[in-house]
Each structure stands twice: as C-alpha cells, then as structure tokens.
PDB file of all heavy atoms in Angstrom:
ATOM      1  N   PRO A   1     159.869 197.968 135.115  1.00  0.00           N
ATOM      2  CA  PRO A   1     159.825 198.852 133.944  1.00  0.00           C
ATOM      3  C   PRO A   1     160.972 198.606 133.042  1.00  0.00           C
ATOM      4  O   PRO A   1     160.740 198.672 131.768  1.00  0.00           O
ATOM      5  CB  PRO A   1     159.924 200.232 134.643  1.00  0.00           C
ATOM      6  CG  PRO A   1     160.476 200.076 135.843  1.00  0.00           C
ATOM      7  CD  PRO A   1     159.993 198.742 136.408  1.00  0.00           C
ATOM      8  N   GLU A   2     162.083 198.172 133.544  1.00  0.00           N
ATOM      9  CA  GLU A   2     163.298 197.991 132.690  1.00  0.00           C
ATOM     10  C   GLU A   2     163.010 196.781 131.766  1.00  0.00           C
ATOM     11  O   GLU A   2     163.301 196.678 130.627  1.00  0.00           O
ATOM     12  CB  GLU A   2     164.574 197.836 133.521  1.00  0.00           C
ATOM     13  CG  GLU A   2     164.987 199.032 134.269  1.00  0.00           C
ATOM     14  CD  GLU A   2     164.390 199.145 135.617  1.00  0.00           C
ATOM     15  OE1 GLU A   2     163.769 198.186 136.074  1.00  0.00           O
ATOM     16  OE2 GLU A   2     164.685 200.261 136.150  1.00  0.00           O
ATOM     17  N   GLU A   3     162.490 195.604 132.446  1.00  0.00           N
ATOM     18  CA  GLU A   3     162.033 194.428 131.692  1.00  0.00           C
ATOM     19  C   GLU A   3     161.095 194.670 130.545  1.00  0.00           C
ATOM     20  O   GLU A   3     161.116 194.250 129.428  1.00  0.00           O
ATOM     21  CB  GLU A   3     161.658 193.383 132.594  1.00  0.00           C
ATOM     22  CG  GLU A   3     162.761 192.758 133.402  1.00  0.00           C
ATOM     23  CD  GLU A   3     163.174 193.572 134.693  1.00  0.00           C
ATOM     24  OE1 GLU A   3     162.696 194.754 134.875  1.00  0.00           O
ATOM     25  OE2 GLU A   3     163.882 192.972 135.437  1.00  0.00           O
ATOM     26  N   SER A   4     160.099 195.473 131.017  1.00  0.00           N
ATOM     27  CA  SER A   4     158.974 195.772 129.960  1.00  0.00           C
ATOM     28  C   SER A   4     159.513 196.588 128.828  1.00  0.00           C
ATOM     29  O   SER A   4     159.243 196.426 127.564  1.00  0.00           O
ATOM     30  CB  SER A   4     157.801 196.403 130.519  1.00  0.00           C
ATOM     31  OG  SER A   4     158.017 197.719 131.074  1.00  0.00           O
ATOM     32  N   HIS A   5     160.439 197.476 129.131  1.00  0.00           N
ATOM     33  CA  HIS A   5     161.105 198.278 127.948  1.00  0.00           C
ATOM     34  C   HIS A   5     161.968 197.510 127.076  1.00  0.00           C
ATOM     35  O   HIS A   5     161.811 197.569 125.853  1.00  0.00           O
ATOM     36  CB  HIS A   5     161.913 199.433 128.814  1.00  0.00           C
ATOM     37  CG  HIS A   5     162.453 200.518 127.849  1.00  0.00           C
ATOM     38  ND1 HIS A   5     163.812 200.424 127.443  1.00  0.00           N
ATOM     39  CD2 HIS A   5     161.891 201.437 127.057  1.00  0.00           C
ATOM     40  CE1 HIS A   5     163.984 201.308 126.600  1.00  0.00           C
ATOM     41  NE2 HIS A   5     162.990 201.961 126.279  1.00  0.00           N
ATOM     42  N   ASP A   6     162.876 196.702 127.779  1.00  0.00           N
ATOM     43  CA  ASP A   6     163.689 195.808 127.079  1.00  0.00           C
ATOM     44  C   ASP A   6     162.978 194.774 126.160  1.00  0.00           C
ATOM     45  O   ASP A   6     163.269 194.591 124.963  1.00  0.00           O
ATOM     46  CB  ASP A   6     164.710 195.148 127.915  1.00  0.00           C
ATOM     47  CG  ASP A   6     165.732 195.986 128.666  1.00  0.00           C
ATOM     48  OD1 ASP A   6     165.921 197.102 128.055  1.00  0.00           O
ATOM     49  OD2 ASP A   6     166.313 195.543 129.452  1.00  0.00           O
ATOM     50  N   PHE A   7     161.877 194.224 126.748  1.00  0.00           N
ATOM     51  CA  PHE A   7     161.065 193.241 125.973  1.00  0.00           C
ATOM     52  C   PHE A   7     160.431 193.851 124.741  1.00  0.00           C
ATOM     53  O   PHE A   7     160.561 193.282 123.701  1.00  0.00           O
ATOM     54  CB  PHE A   7     160.023 192.679 126.863  1.00  0.00           C
ATOM     55  CG  PHE A   7     159.207 191.565 126.211  1.00  0.00           C
ATOM     56  CD1 PHE A   7     159.627 190.323 126.349  1.00  0.00           C
ATOM     57  CD2 PHE A   7     158.164 191.962 125.404  1.00  0.00           C
ATOM     58  CE1 PHE A   7     158.992 189.371 125.625  1.00  0.00           C
ATOM     59  CE2 PHE A   7     157.476 190.876 124.709  1.00  0.00           C
ATOM     60  CZ  PHE A   7     157.893 189.558 124.859  1.00  0.00           C
ATOM     61  N   SER A   8     159.860 195.011 124.837  1.00  0.00           N
ATOM     62  CA  SER A   8     159.208 195.744 123.818  1.00  0.00           C
ATOM     63  C   SER A   8     160.262 196.092 122.725  1.00  0.00           C
ATOM     64  O   SER A   8     159.943 195.954 121.497  1.00  0.00           O
ATOM     65  CB  SER A   8     158.279 196.755 124.195  1.00  0.00           C
ATOM     66  OG  SER A   8     158.972 197.828 124.934  1.00  0.00           O
ATOM     67  N   LEU A   9     161.361 196.553 123.134  1.00  0.00           N
ATOM     68  CA  LEU A   9     162.370 197.069 122.074  1.00  0.00           C
ATOM     69  C   LEU A   9     162.914 195.867 121.355  1.00  0.00           C
ATOM     70  O   LEU A   9     163.392 195.960 120.247  1.00  0.00           O
ATOM     71  CB  LEU A   9     163.464 197.830 122.983  1.00  0.00           C
ATOM     72  CG  LEU A   9     163.225 199.174 123.430  1.00  0.00           C
ATOM     73  CD1 LEU A   9     164.296 199.764 124.116  1.00  0.00           C
ATOM     74  CD2 LEU A   9     162.781 200.156 122.153  1.00  0.00           C
ATOM     75  N   ASN A  10     163.004 194.704 121.938  1.00  0.00           N
ATOM     76  CA  ASN A  10     163.590 193.482 121.385  1.00  0.00           C
ATOM     77  C   ASN A  10     162.755 192.573 120.795  1.00  0.00           C
ATOM     78  O   ASN A  10     163.035 191.440 120.142  1.00  0.00           O
ATOM     79  CB  ASN A  10     164.491 192.925 122.293  1.00  0.00           C
ATOM     80  CG  ASN A  10     165.661 193.808 122.666  1.00  0.00           C
ATOM     81  OD1 ASN A  10     166.540 194.107 121.693  1.00  0.00           O
ATOM     82  ND2 ASN A  10     165.840 194.090 123.940  1.00  0.00           N
ATOM     83  N   ALA A  11     161.340 192.751 120.911  1.00  0.00           N
ATOM     84  CA  ALA A  11     160.366 191.820 120.448  1.00  0.00           C
ATOM     85  C   ALA A  11     160.456 191.403 118.881  1.00  0.00           C
ATOM     86  O   ALA A  11     160.472 190.155 118.637  1.00  0.00           O
ATOM     87  CB  ALA A  11     158.883 192.364 120.675  1.00  0.00           C
ATOM     88  N   VAL A  12     160.598 192.333 118.041  1.00  0.00           N
ATOM     89  CA  VAL A  12     160.845 191.982 116.668  1.00  0.00           C
ATOM     90  C   VAL A  12     161.899 191.118 116.408  1.00  0.00           C
ATOM     91  O   VAL A  12     161.999 190.106 115.677  1.00  0.00           O
ATOM     92  CB  VAL A  12     160.771 193.226 115.823  1.00  0.00           C
ATOM     93  CG1 VAL A  12     161.132 193.002 114.333  1.00  0.00           C
ATOM     94  CG2 VAL A  12     159.530 194.101 115.792  1.00  0.00           C
ATOM     95  N   LYS A  13     163.117 191.563 117.061  1.00  0.00           N
ATOM     96  CA  LYS A  13     164.489 190.793 116.876  1.00  0.00           C
ATOM     97  C   LYS A  13     164.267 189.318 117.370  1.00  0.00           C
ATOM     98  O   LYS A  13     164.832 188.435 116.800  1.00  0.00           O
ATOM     99  CB  LYS A  13     165.441 191.512 117.581  1.00  0.00           C
ATOM    100  CG  LYS A  13     166.829 190.855 117.573  1.00  0.00           C
ATOM    101  CD  LYS A  13     167.910 191.606 118.390  1.00  0.00           C
ATOM    102  CE  LYS A  13     167.707 191.258 119.887  1.00  0.00           C
ATOM    103  NZ  LYS A  13     168.795 191.760 120.736  1.00  0.00           N
ATOM    104  N   ASN A  14     163.262 189.243 118.412  1.00  0.00           N
ATOM    105  CA  ASN A  14     163.124 187.863 119.128  1.00  0.00           C
ATOM    106  C   ASN A  14     162.089 187.111 118.420  1.00  0.00           C
ATOM    107  O   ASN A  14     161.619 185.924 118.798  1.00  0.00           O
ATOM    108  CB  ASN A  14     162.840 187.976 120.440  1.00  0.00           C
ATOM    109  CG  ASN A  14     164.090 188.581 121.269  1.00  0.00           C
ATOM    110  OD1 ASN A  14     165.119 188.171 120.867  1.00  0.00           O
ATOM    111  ND2 ASN A  14     163.779 189.264 122.290  1.00  0.00           N
ATOM    112  N   GLY A  15     161.612 187.569 117.247  1.00  0.00           N
ATOM    113  CA  GLY A  15     160.660 186.717 116.250  1.00  0.00           C
ATOM    114  C   GLY A  15     159.226 186.809 116.720  1.00  0.00           C
ATOM    115  O   GLY A  15     158.390 186.246 116.056  1.00  0.00           O
ATOM    116  N   ILE A  16     158.914 187.748 117.653  1.00  0.00           N
ATOM    117  CA  ILE A  16     157.571 187.846 117.971  1.00  0.00           C
ATOM    118  C   ILE A  16     156.729 188.813 116.945  1.00  0.00           C
ATOM    119  O   ILE A  16     157.256 189.729 116.415  1.00  0.00           O
ATOM    120  CB  ILE A  16     157.497 188.651 119.334  1.00  0.00           C
ATOM    121  CG1 ILE A  16     158.090 187.647 120.336  1.00  0.00           C
ATOM    122  CG2 ILE A  16     156.024 188.934 119.757  1.00  0.00           C
ATOM    123  CD1 ILE A  16     158.419 188.170 121.799  1.00  0.00           C
ATOM    124  N   GLU A  17     155.593 188.383 116.701  1.00  0.00           N
ATOM    125  CA  GLU A  17     154.718 189.118 115.675  1.00  0.00           C
ATOM    126  C   GLU A  17     153.577 189.734 116.186  1.00  0.00           C
ATOM    127  O   GLU A  17     152.906 190.676 115.554  1.00  0.00           O
ATOM    128  CB  GLU A  17     154.358 188.080 114.594  1.00  0.00           C
ATOM    129  CG  GLU A  17     155.613 187.490 113.773  1.00  0.00           C
ATOM    130  CD  GLU A  17     155.334 186.467 112.858  1.00  0.00           C
ATOM    131  OE1 GLU A  17     155.169 185.321 113.344  1.00  0.00           O
ATOM    132  OE2 GLU A  17     155.196 186.805 111.649  1.00  0.00           O
ATOM    133  N   VAL A  18     152.991 189.285 117.293  1.00  0.00           N
ATOM    134  CA  VAL A  18     151.796 189.861 118.040  1.00  0.00           C
ATOM    135  C   VAL A  18     152.112 189.829 119.524  1.00  0.00           C
ATOM    136  O   VAL A  18     152.671 188.818 119.862  1.00  0.00           O
ATOM    137  CB  VAL A  18     150.474 189.084 117.598  1.00  0.00           C
ATOM    138  CG1 VAL A  18     149.391 189.822 118.364  1.00  0.00           C
ATOM    139  CG2 VAL A  18     150.321 189.272 116.089  1.00  0.00           C
ATOM    140  N   ILE A  19     151.748 190.858 120.239  1.00  0.00           N
ATOM    141  CA  ILE A  19     151.924 190.714 121.733  1.00  0.00           C
ATOM    142  C   ILE A  19     150.517 190.903 122.347  1.00  0.00           C
ATOM    143  O   ILE A  19     149.760 191.849 122.055  1.00  0.00           O
ATOM    144  CB  ILE A  19     152.850 191.924 122.077  1.00  0.00           C
ATOM    145  CG1 ILE A  19     154.096 191.771 121.459  1.00  0.00           C
ATOM    146  CG2 ILE A  19     152.940 191.849 123.694  1.00  0.00           C
ATOM    147  CD1 ILE A  19     155.101 192.890 121.714  1.00  0.00           C
ATOM    148  N   ILE A  20     150.158 189.967 123.258  1.00  0.00           N
ATOM    149  CA  ILE A  20     148.949 190.115 124.032  1.00  0.00           C
ATOM    150  C   ILE A  20     149.450 190.527 125.492  1.00  0.00           C
ATOM    151  O   ILE A  20     150.385 189.918 126.072  1.00  0.00           O
ATOM    152  CB  ILE A  20     148.164 188.796 124.230  1.00  0.00           C
ATOM    153  CG1 ILE A  20     147.662 188.363 122.758  1.00  0.00           C
ATOM    154  CG2 ILE A  20     147.035 188.813 125.215  1.00  0.00           C
ATOM    155  CD1 ILE A  20     147.173 186.859 122.729  1.00  0.00           C
ATOM    156  N   CYS A  21     148.860 191.616 126.043  1.00  0.00           N
ATOM    157  CA  CYS A  21     149.274 191.980 127.358  1.00  0.00           C
ATOM    158  C   CYS A  21     147.981 191.963 128.329  1.00  0.00           C
ATOM    159  O   CYS A  21     146.992 192.661 128.068  1.00  0.00           O
ATOM    160  CB  CYS A  21     149.634 193.444 127.318  1.00  0.00           C
ATOM    161  SG  CYS A  21     151.169 193.649 126.450  1.00  0.00           S
ATOM    162  N   ALA A  22     148.084 191.167 129.362  1.00  0.00           N
ATOM    163  CA  ALA A  22     146.995 190.986 130.377  1.00  0.00           C
ATOM    164  C   ALA A  22     147.340 191.785 131.490  1.00  0.00           C
ATOM    165  O   ALA A  22     148.392 191.722 132.066  1.00  0.00           O
ATOM    166  CB  ALA A  22     146.734 189.597 130.640  1.00  0.00           C
ATOM    167  N   ALA A  23     146.344 192.489 132.029  1.00  0.00           N
ATOM    168  CA  ALA A  23     146.639 193.416 133.134  1.00  0.00           C
ATOM    169  C   ALA A  23     145.314 193.854 133.847  1.00  0.00           C
ATOM    170  O   ALA A  23     144.401 194.009 133.124  1.00  0.00           O
ATOM    171  CB  ALA A  23     147.487 194.667 132.757  1.00  0.00           C
ATOM    172  N   GLY A  24     145.486 194.054 135.158  1.00  0.00           N
ATOM    173  CA  GLY A  24     144.273 194.499 135.899  1.00  0.00           C
ATOM    174  C   GLY A  24     144.528 195.885 136.486  1.00  0.00           C
ATOM    175  O   GLY A  24     145.656 196.399 136.531  1.00  0.00           O
ATOM    176  N   LYS A  25     143.472 196.406 137.146  1.00  0.00           N
ATOM    177  CA  LYS A  25     143.583 197.812 137.654  1.00  0.00           C
ATOM    178  C   LYS A  25     143.995 198.832 136.760  1.00  0.00           C
ATOM    179  O   LYS A  25     143.323 199.125 135.883  1.00  0.00           O
ATOM    180  CB  LYS A  25     144.409 197.560 138.999  1.00  0.00           C
ATOM    181  CG  LYS A  25     143.670 196.635 139.932  1.00  0.00           C
ATOM    182  CD  LYS A  25     144.409 196.687 141.332  1.00  0.00           C
ATOM    183  CE  LYS A  25     143.787 195.622 142.185  1.00  0.00           C
ATOM    184  NZ  LYS A  25     144.458 195.471 143.402  1.00  0.00           N
ATOM    185  N   ALA A  26     145.149 199.444 137.092  1.00  0.00           N
ATOM    186  CA  ALA A  26     145.631 200.553 136.198  1.00  0.00           C
ATOM    187  C   ALA A  26     146.018 200.013 134.786  1.00  0.00           C
ATOM    188  O   ALA A  26     145.800 200.815 133.849  1.00  0.00           O
ATOM    189  CB  ALA A  26     146.910 201.203 136.879  1.00  0.00           C
ATOM    190  N   ALA A  27     146.299 198.807 134.670  1.00  0.00           N
ATOM    191  CA  ALA A  27     146.511 198.169 133.341  1.00  0.00           C
ATOM    192  C   ALA A  27     147.250 198.848 132.380  1.00  0.00           C
ATOM    193  O   ALA A  27     146.896 199.032 131.230  1.00  0.00           O
ATOM    194  CB  ALA A  27     145.155 197.784 132.827  1.00  0.00           C
TER     195      ALA A  27
END
C-alpha cells in the first residue's frame, strides 16, 4: 500500500499522463 500511495502521488511529477491498472479478484 505504501508503494501504491507513493506511486500515485508522484505520477504527474514523474511525467506519467495515463495509468493502466490490471488487477484480479478484489481488484
């Protein structure tokens, strides 16, 4: 959870413009 939180908070700063999230079950 810490990595997902940090990733999403820093995505714009890291130049990301769209995020695709693949997940199964609770997803």
